[in-house]
Amino acid sequence: MIEGVGLLPYSERLQILQLTTLAERRSRGDLIEVYKASHGLSQLADVFNFSRSGLNLVCKPGKSKISKLNRVKRNFINERVMSFWNRLPIEVKTAPTRSI
């Protein structure tokens, strides 16, 4: 551990350690999963609802036979990342690799 950091407020610890917030890390991870799903690289591809072009996330209430709990999970992840994903440039969504 780094001495003296444990007693500081969360925001100061993040700044000193040059870390991002949990919310930022969660959003980044969600966007990576959407990218992988849109390129067929994820087993979670059926969780996301893509537009006909395959580039944007859309909210399509489906009449699937999945359980209510799975429906809640599906809608939650879609709602959580939809606005972030849809604002990304097309070049990012269609990039052949996840590398920067």
Foldseek 3Di string as FASTA:
>chain_A
DDPPLVVDDPVVSCVVVVHDDPLVVVQVVLLVQLLCLLVVNDPCVVLFDADPVSQATDDDDDPDPDDPVSSVVSVVSCVSHRVVRVPDDSCCSPPPDPDD
